[in-house]
Protein backbone atom coordinates (compact mmCIF):
# COMPACT_ATOMS: atom_id res chain seq x y z
CA MET A 1 55.30 81.19 11.84
CA LYS A 2 57.12 84.81 12.96
CA ILE A 3 55.56 87.40 15.19
CA ASP A 4 57.58 90.52 15.57
CA LEU A 5 57.16 92.67 18.61
CA THR A 6 58.68 96.23 19.03
CA ASP A 7 59.08 98.22 22.18
CA THR A 8 57.46 95.21 24.10
CA THR A 9 57.53 93.49 27.56
CA ALA A 10 57.97 89.85 28.67
CA SER A 11 54.20 89.54 29.06
CA LYS A 12 53.31 90.47 25.59
CA VAL A 13 56.05 87.91 24.38
CA ASN A 14 54.36 85.17 26.46
CA LYS A 15 50.99 86.17 25.09
CA ALA A 16 52.72 85.85 21.47
CA LEU A 17 53.98 82.42 22.28
CA VAL A 18 50.36 81.37 23.19
CA GLN A 19 48.74 82.95 20.16
CA GLY A 20 51.69 81.23 17.83
CA ARG A 21 51.08 77.61 19.34
CA ARG A 22 47.34 78.27 18.68
CA ALA A 23 47.60 79.38 15.22
CA ILE A 24 49.69 76.50 14.07
CA GLY A 25 47.62 73.95 16.06
CA THR A 26 49.37 72.67 18.95
CA PRO A 27 48.38 74.24 22.10
CA ALA A 28 50.21 72.19 24.36
CA VAL A 29 53.71 72.62 25.35
CA GLY A 30 55.86 69.92 24.67
CA MET A 31 59.55 71.24 25.24
CA VAL A 32 61.86 69.54 27.87
CA LEU A 33 64.26 72.50 28.69
CA THR A 34 64.91 76.16 28.30
CA LEU A 35 67.99 76.97 26.27
CA VAL A 36 69.44 80.43 26.82
CA ILE A 37 71.67 81.76 24.16
CA VAL A 38 73.89 84.89 25.13
CA THR A 39 75.52 86.15 22.24
CA ASP A 40 76.08 89.32 19.84
CA GLU A 41 74.36 90.21 16.55
CA GLU A 42 77.31 88.75 14.42
CA ASN A 43 77.21 85.20 15.89
CA ALA A 44 73.41 85.26 16.48
CA TYR A 45 72.43 83.20 13.11
CA ASP A 46 75.21 80.46 13.62
CA ALA A 47 74.17 79.76 17.15
CA LEU A 48 70.47 79.96 16.44
CA ARG A 49 70.69 77.40 13.68
CA ALA A 50 72.75 74.96 15.46
CA ALA A 51 69.95 75.31 18.57
CA ASN A 52 67.38 74.55 16.09
CA ASP A 53 69.22 71.60 14.88
CA ALA A 54 69.93 70.14 18.28
CA SER A 55 66.22 70.76 19.27
CA HIS A 56 65.09 67.68 16.83
CA GLU A 57 66.81 65.83 19.66
CA HIS A 58 66.04 68.00 22.48
CA PRO A 59 62.82 70.20 22.05
CA SER A 60 62.99 73.20 24.01
CA ARG A 61 62.16 76.80 24.19
CA THR A 62 65.03 78.66 22.81
CA LEU A 63 65.85 82.39 24.34
CA VAL A 64 68.33 84.32 22.20
CA VAL A 65 69.50 87.33 24.26
CA ILE A 66 71.37 89.81 22.08
CA LYS A 67 72.64 92.99 23.66
CA ARG A 68 72.78 95.77 21.38
CA VAL A 69 74.96 98.64 21.66
CA SER A 70 73.52 102.12 21.41
CA ARG A 71 75.23 104.33 18.92
CA SER A 72 74.68 107.76 20.83
CA PRO A 73 74.76 108.91 24.56
CA ARG A 74 70.91 109.67 24.15
CA ASP A 75 70.06 106.22 22.94
CA ARG A 76 71.85 104.60 25.74
CA THR A 77 69.71 106.09 28.37
CA GLN A 78 66.44 104.68 26.57
CA SER A 79 65.49 101.44 27.35
CA ARG A 80 63.91 99.29 24.83
CA LEU A 81 63.03 95.34 24.25
CA ASP A 82 62.33 94.15 20.72
CA ALA A 83 61.29 90.52 20.29
CA GLU A 84 61.05 88.00 17.62
CA VAL A 85 58.72 85.05 18.20
CA ARG A 86 59.22 81.97 16.20
CA VAL A 87 57.13 78.74 16.42
CA GLY A 88 56.37 75.69 14.00
CA ALA A 89 58.63 74.84 11.17
CA ASP A 90 60.77 78.21 11.66
CA ALA A 91 61.62 77.21 15.05
CA GLY A 92 62.78 73.55 14.78
CA SER A 93 60.99 71.12 17.09
CA GLY A 94 60.43 73.77 19.98
CA GLU A 95 60.11 77.51 20.25
CA THR A 96 62.42 80.39 19.66
CA VAL A 97 62.46 83.92 20.92
CA VAL A 98 64.79 86.47 19.76
CA LEU A 99 65.37 89.32 22.22
CA ARG A 100 67.40 92.45 21.55
CA LEU A 101 67.92 94.67 24.29
CA TYR A 102 68.98 98.23 24.08
CA GLY A 103 70.02 100.91 26.65
CA GLU A 104 69.82 100.16 30.55
CA VAL A 105 67.71 97.00 29.82
CA SER A 106 70.55 95.20 28.68
CA ASP A 107 72.18 95.26 31.93
CA HIS A 108 69.15 93.56 33.58
CA ALA A 109 68.63 90.76 31.08
CA GLN A 110 67.88 88.28 33.85
CA SER A 111 64.65 90.43 34.39
CA VAL A 112 63.55 89.63 31.01
CA VAL A 113 64.53 86.30 30.57
CA LEU A 114 63.01 84.95 34.04
CA PRO A 115 59.21 85.34 32.83
CA LEU A 116 60.02 83.54 29.77
CA LEU A 117 61.42 80.21 31.29
CA LEU A 118 59.47 77.11 31.12
CA PRO A 119 58.00 76.28 34.46
CA ASP A 120 59.55 73.29 36.29
CA ALA A 121 61.93 72.60 33.53
CA PRO A 122 65.71 72.79 33.56
CA VAL A 123 67.50 75.68 32.14
CA VAL A 124 70.84 75.63 30.24
CA VAL A 125 72.69 78.82 29.61
CA TRP A 126 75.04 78.88 26.72
CA TRP A 127 77.70 81.48 25.58
CA PRO A 128 78.94 80.86 22.08
CA VAL A 129 81.41 83.80 22.54
CA ASN A 130 82.30 86.37 25.24
CA ALA A 131 81.45 84.07 27.92
CA PRO A 132 82.08 85.50 31.40
CA LEU A 133 85.01 84.74 33.48
CA ASP A 134 82.78 83.16 36.48
CA PRO A 135 79.54 81.86 34.51
CA ALA A 136 77.95 80.59 37.88
CA ASN A 137 77.74 84.05 39.05
CA ASP A 138 76.61 85.74 36.14
CA PRO A 139 73.18 87.05 36.60
CA LEU A 140 71.74 84.61 33.67
CA GLY A 141 74.21 81.76 34.56
CA ALA A 142 72.82 81.84 38.21
CA LEU A 143 69.37 80.90 36.58
CA ALA A 144 70.75 77.71 35.09
CA GLN A 145 71.72 73.97 36.13
CA ARG A 146 74.10 73.73 33.40
CA ARG A 147 76.40 76.56 31.96
CA VAL A 148 78.12 76.00 28.57
CA THR A 149 81.01 77.95 27.51
CA ASP A 150 83.64 77.56 24.53
CA THR A 151 87.05 78.59 25.42
CA TYR A 152 88.15 78.10 21.56
CA ALA A 153 86.20 81.38 20.87
CA SER A 154 88.39 83.30 23.35
CA GLU A 155 91.42 85.21 22.38
CA GLN A 156 93.56 83.44 24.86
CA PRO A 157 92.31 79.78 25.27
CA VAL A 158 95.13 78.48 27.52
CA ARG A 159 94.76 81.41 30.07
CA GLU A 160 90.82 81.02 29.80
CA LEU A 161 91.26 77.35 31.03
CA SER A 162 93.20 78.59 34.01
CA ALA A 163 90.38 81.20 34.81
CA ARG A 164 87.84 78.32 34.23
CA ALA A 165 89.66 76.35 36.81
CA ASP A 166 89.90 78.93 39.39
CA THR A 167 86.05 79.64 39.08
CA TYR A 168 84.46 76.15 38.36
CA THR A 169 81.00 75.58 39.84
CA PRO A 170 79.42 72.02 39.63
CA GLY A 171 77.28 72.57 36.24
CA ASP A 172 80.00 74.31 34.21
CA THR A 173 81.15 72.64 30.96
CA ASP A 174 82.98 73.60 27.76
CA LEU A 175 82.29 72.90 24.24
CA SER A 176 86.17 72.34 23.70
CA TRP A 177 86.04 69.55 26.39
CA THR A 178 83.01 68.01 24.12
CA ARG A 179 84.98 67.90 21.16
CA ILE A 180 87.53 65.31 22.42
CA THR A 181 84.57 62.77 23.60
CA PRO A 182 85.33 60.59 20.26
CA TRP A 183 89.12 60.68 21.13
CA ARG A 184 88.74 59.71 24.91
CA SER A 185 86.47 56.99 23.84
CA MET A 186 88.93 55.89 21.11
CA LEU A 187 91.87 55.78 23.30
CA ALA A 188 90.17 54.30 26.13
CA ALA A 189 89.02 51.31 24.12
CA ALA A 190 92.48 51.05 22.53
CA LEU A 191 94.09 50.69 26.30
CA ASP A 192 91.31 48.22 26.92
CA GLN A 193 92.85 45.79 23.95
CA VAL A 194 95.75 45.37 25.53
CA VAL A 195 97.64 44.47 29.01
CA CYS A 196 100.30 47.20 29.21
CA GLU A 197 101.64 50.14 31.21
CA VAL A 198 101.59 53.44 29.92
CA LYS A 199 105.00 55.16 30.38
CA ALA A 200 104.82 58.43 28.67
CA VAL A 201 102.28 60.26 26.17
CA GLU A 202 102.51 62.87 23.55
CA VAL A 203 99.70 65.16 22.50
CA GLU A 204 100.07 66.68 18.94
CA GLY A 205 97.83 69.49 17.59
CA GLU A 206 97.48 73.15 16.96
CA GLU A 207 99.19 75.72 19.03
CA PHE A 208 96.18 77.62 20.34
CA ASN A 209 93.38 74.73 20.45
CA PRO A 210 92.16 74.27 24.05
CA SER A 211 90.88 70.73 23.20
CA CYS A 212 94.58 69.66 22.80
CA GLU A 213 95.27 70.93 26.29
CA LEU A 214 92.17 69.17 27.83
CA LEU A 215 92.88 65.83 26.08
CA ALA A 216 96.48 66.14 27.46
CA MET A 217 95.48 67.16 30.88
CA TRP A 218 92.71 64.05 30.79
CA LEU A 219 95.59 61.71 29.96
CA ALA A 220 98.10 62.94 32.60
CA ASP A 221 95.27 63.06 35.34
CA ARG A 222 94.03 59.39 34.46
CA LEU A 223 97.23 57.58 33.58
CA ASP A 224 99.57 59.48 35.96
CA VAL A 225 102.29 59.89 33.45
CA PRO A 226 104.39 62.66 32.13
CA VAL A 227 102.32 64.18 29.03
CA LYS A 228 104.32 65.95 26.23
CA ARG A 229 102.20 68.74 24.17
CA SER A 230 103.73 69.14 20.70
CA LEU A 231 102.73 71.34 17.86
CA SER A 232 101.28 70.70 14.57
CA SER A 233 99.66 72.60 11.69
CA GLY A 234 96.29 70.78 12.59
CA PRO A 235 93.47 70.94 11.80
CA GLY A 236 92.55 70.55 15.72
CA LEU A 237 94.06 67.58 17.28
CA THR A 238 96.12 65.39 14.90
CA ALA A 239 97.82 62.70 16.87
CA VAL A 240 98.28 60.84 20.26
CA ARG A 241 101.18 58.55 20.76
CA MET A 242 101.50 56.40 23.96
CA ASP A 243 104.81 54.51 24.90
CA THR A 244 104.16 51.20 26.81
CA ASP A 245 105.84 48.13 27.62
CA CYS A 246 104.27 46.47 25.02
CA GLY A 247 105.20 48.94 22.15
CA PRO A 248 103.80 52.10 21.16
CA ILE A 249 100.00 53.11 20.63
CA VAL A 250 99.21 55.52 18.13
CA LEU A 251 95.87 57.32 17.07
CA ASP A 252 96.76 59.56 14.18
CA ARG A 253 94.26 61.97 12.38
CA ALA A 254 96.14 63.91 9.73
CA ASP A 255 93.28 65.16 7.67
CA GLY A 256 90.52 66.07 10.17
CA SER A 257 88.14 63.26 9.04
CA LEU A 258 89.68 59.61 9.27
CA ALA A 259 92.09 58.49 11.89
CA THR A 260 94.44 55.29 11.90
CA LEU A 261 94.77 53.42 14.96
CA SER A 262 98.06 51.61 15.22
CA ILE A 263 98.75 49.12 18.25
CA GLN A 264 101.85 46.94 18.46
CA GLY A 265 101.25 43.37 17.17
CA GLN A 266 97.85 44.14 15.50
CA PRO A 267 96.73 45.53 11.98
CA ASP A 268 96.38 49.10 11.65
CA ARG A 269 92.80 50.19 11.67
CA ALA A 270 90.70 53.15 9.93
CA VAL A 271 88.45 54.98 12.56
CA ALA A 272 86.11 57.75 11.68
CA LEU A 273 87.04 60.70 13.76
CA LYS A 274 85.26 63.64 11.76
CA ARG A 275 85.42 67.08 13.19
CA ARG A 276 81.81 67.62 14.37
CA GLU A 277 79.49 70.48 14.02
CA THR A 278 78.33 72.93 16.81
CA ALA A 279 74.90 71.31 16.74
CA GLU A 280 76.23 67.78 17.40
CA LEU A 281 78.42 69.37 20.19
CA ILE A 282 75.42 71.26 21.92
CA ALA A 283 73.07 68.27 21.72
CA GLU A 284 75.61 66.09 23.36
CA GLU A 285 75.66 68.43 26.13
CA LEU A 286 71.77 68.82 26.40
CA ARG A 287 71.74 64.93 27.22
CA ARG A 288 73.13 65.25 30.70
CA LEU A 289 72.26 67.88 33.41
CA ASP A 290 74.43 66.52 36.07
CA PRO A 291 77.91 68.08 37.00
CA ASP A 292 80.77 66.49 34.86
CA ASP A 293 83.11 65.41 37.63
CA THR A 294 85.83 64.19 35.24
CA TYR A 295 85.85 67.74 33.25
CA ALA A 296 86.40 69.32 36.94
CA SER A 297 89.13 66.98 37.56
CA VAL A 298 91.05 67.79 34.26
CA LEU A 299 90.69 71.58 34.86
CA ARG A 300 92.17 71.27 38.61
CA PHE A 301 95.08 69.34 37.01
CA GLY A 302 96.14 72.71 35.25
CA VAL A 303 97.90 73.25 31.91
CA GLU A 304 101.34 74.18 33.83
CA ARG A 305 101.67 70.60 35.04
CA LEU A 306 102.13 69.42 31.16
CA ASN A 307 105.56 68.37 30.14
CA SER A 308 106.50 67.67 33.92
CA VAL A 309 106.23 64.95 36.73
CA PRO A 310 103.46 62.63 37.08
CA ALA A 311 100.52 63.72 39.05
CA SER A 312 100.98 61.31 41.73
CA ALA A 313 104.56 62.81 42.27
CA VAL A 314 103.12 66.48 42.65
CA ARG A 315 100.38 65.10 45.02
CA GLY A 316 103.16 63.46 47.17
CA ALA A 317 105.22 66.25 47.08
CA GLU A 318 102.41 68.68 48.02
CA ALA A 319 101.33 66.01 50.74
CA ALA A 320 104.80 66.05 52.07
CA GLU A 321 105.27 69.79 52.28
CA ALA A 322 101.84 70.14 54.48
CA ALA A 323 103.13 67.15 56.69
CA VAL A 324 106.55 69.26 57.43
CA ALA A 325 104.48 72.21 58.05
CA LYS A 326 102.28 70.74 60.38
CA ALA A 327 104.95 69.07 62.31
CA VAL A 328 107.00 72.59 62.49
CA GLN A 329 103.94 73.96 64.09
CA ALA A 330 103.67 71.17 66.58
CA VAL A 331 107.24 71.50 67.44
CA ALA A 332 106.81 75.30 68.13
CA LEU A 333 103.71 74.66 70.47
CA ALA A 334 105.59 72.19 72.26
CA GLU A 335 108.62 74.53 72.76
CA ALA A 336 106.41 77.33 73.98
CA ALA A 337 104.88 74.86 76.42
CA VAL A 338 108.01 74.17 77.90
CA ALA A 339 109.29 77.55 78.15
CA LYS A 340 106.23 78.56 80.04
CA ALA A 341 106.55 75.53 82.32
CA GLU A 342 110.25 76.37 83.35
CA VAL A 343 109.29 79.71 84.80
CA PRO A 344 108.19 79.45 88.76
CA PRO A 345 105.80 81.53 90.64
CA ALA A 346 107.34 84.04 93.17
CA LYS A 347 106.94 82.71 96.69
CA GLY A 348 104.05 84.03 98.69
CA ALA A 349 102.67 86.39 95.78
CA SER A 350 101.42 85.70 92.39
CA PRO A 351 103.20 87.74 89.68
CA ALA A 352 101.04 90.45 87.75
CA LYS A 353 100.10 89.19 84.17
CA GLY A 354 103.12 90.13 81.83
CA GLU A 355 105.54 90.33 84.71
CA ALA A 356 108.41 88.19 85.90
CA ALA A 357 108.32 86.73 89.48
CA GLU A 358 110.82 88.28 91.83
CA THR A 359 113.53 86.43 93.69
CA PRO A 360 114.04 86.34 97.45
CA GLY A 361 117.24 88.60 97.12
CA GLU A 362 115.54 91.07 94.89
CA ALA A 363 112.54 91.48 97.43
CA ASP A 364 114.92 92.19 100.44
CA ALA A 365 116.56 94.97 98.43
CA GLN A 366 113.21 96.58 97.59
CA GLU A 367 112.12 96.35 101.01
CA ALA A 368 115.32 98.00 102.27
CA ALA A 369 115.11 100.86 99.81
CA ALA A 370 111.59 101.60 100.85
CA GLN A 371 112.34 102.06 104.67
CA GLU A 372 115.51 104.00 103.84
CA PRO A 373 113.23 107.47 104.11
CA MET A 374 111.61 106.61 107.25
CA LYS A 375 115.13 106.21 108.93
CA LYS A 376 116.40 109.40 107.89
CA ALA A 377 113.47 111.15 109.02
CA ALA A 378 113.49 109.48 112.49
CA ALA A 379 117.47 110.61 112.75
CA ASN A 380 116.49 114.54 112.04
CA SER A 381 113.78 114.54 114.66
């Protein structure tokens, strides 16, 4: 069931939701969260389809916020809200409201969304494209417990990862990180099968694929070994090679669906590593609403540390530099204290603040100079 509302308000949208539930015979609200999708008109259809598929696992109220750009200066001064309310089969297993904002109201989207949030339910905000550099401080992001972005959709993914590290707030996550969950699980399971020490790692994949960078940073952060980032024609991640003291461990996926796991001394095994759809990725992110500490640690590691020394060496060098700076500061304070203690106060008087104490010889000379005019005046009289 669809209900179209033109030049409407949030209150009328809420009434339309109630009317739609009663019309289809489900007056109760059975949603577990509110999913806010902030996108443009071009990507709204794909994002909404993915959200509807994910709603079969997570029944939710989906609010799609589309900021429409007015064509003329006169239209930009006129604020308008159009809404499309979907319930029943047209909204998956939940409710969907498509909000199109025109004019000045597009700058205050949080005022439109706030009255439509489910009471006492968590809020997740997802930017399929054009995510803000600091999602937690975005007016809509501030309403949410979880904020989902996708650096793969940005123009400069690697630079975007650095920006995400600078502005990370607990609750932030990235679909580029979600894409490598099967890879991380398979590599961890492969290392559990052997008792070896990893000496070096090579991650192979597309040049501008942030998932490759995140996987490389995760391995470097967890294994504390140098990780080399090499390029391939894709699709996506193609291979991970780990050099160990027991022989190489290789996870190779050349076609984007079926991978081969090779461990020294064991037969090769075929592993299903199909590239997942967006609906599966967003459904995985909706399963957890707590902060992802592993993702935060990987972001802090930084892309610039790849192909370099292990993380422990970097942390050791930083700790040594901090200790040296602290020691230099302590020596400077000690020297200042010794210099102050070596200056004796003047005998019989306290020197003024900021002035040095006078020696006895200097005091006698100053007293004689002061009495000289008096002696001359007595002689003349």
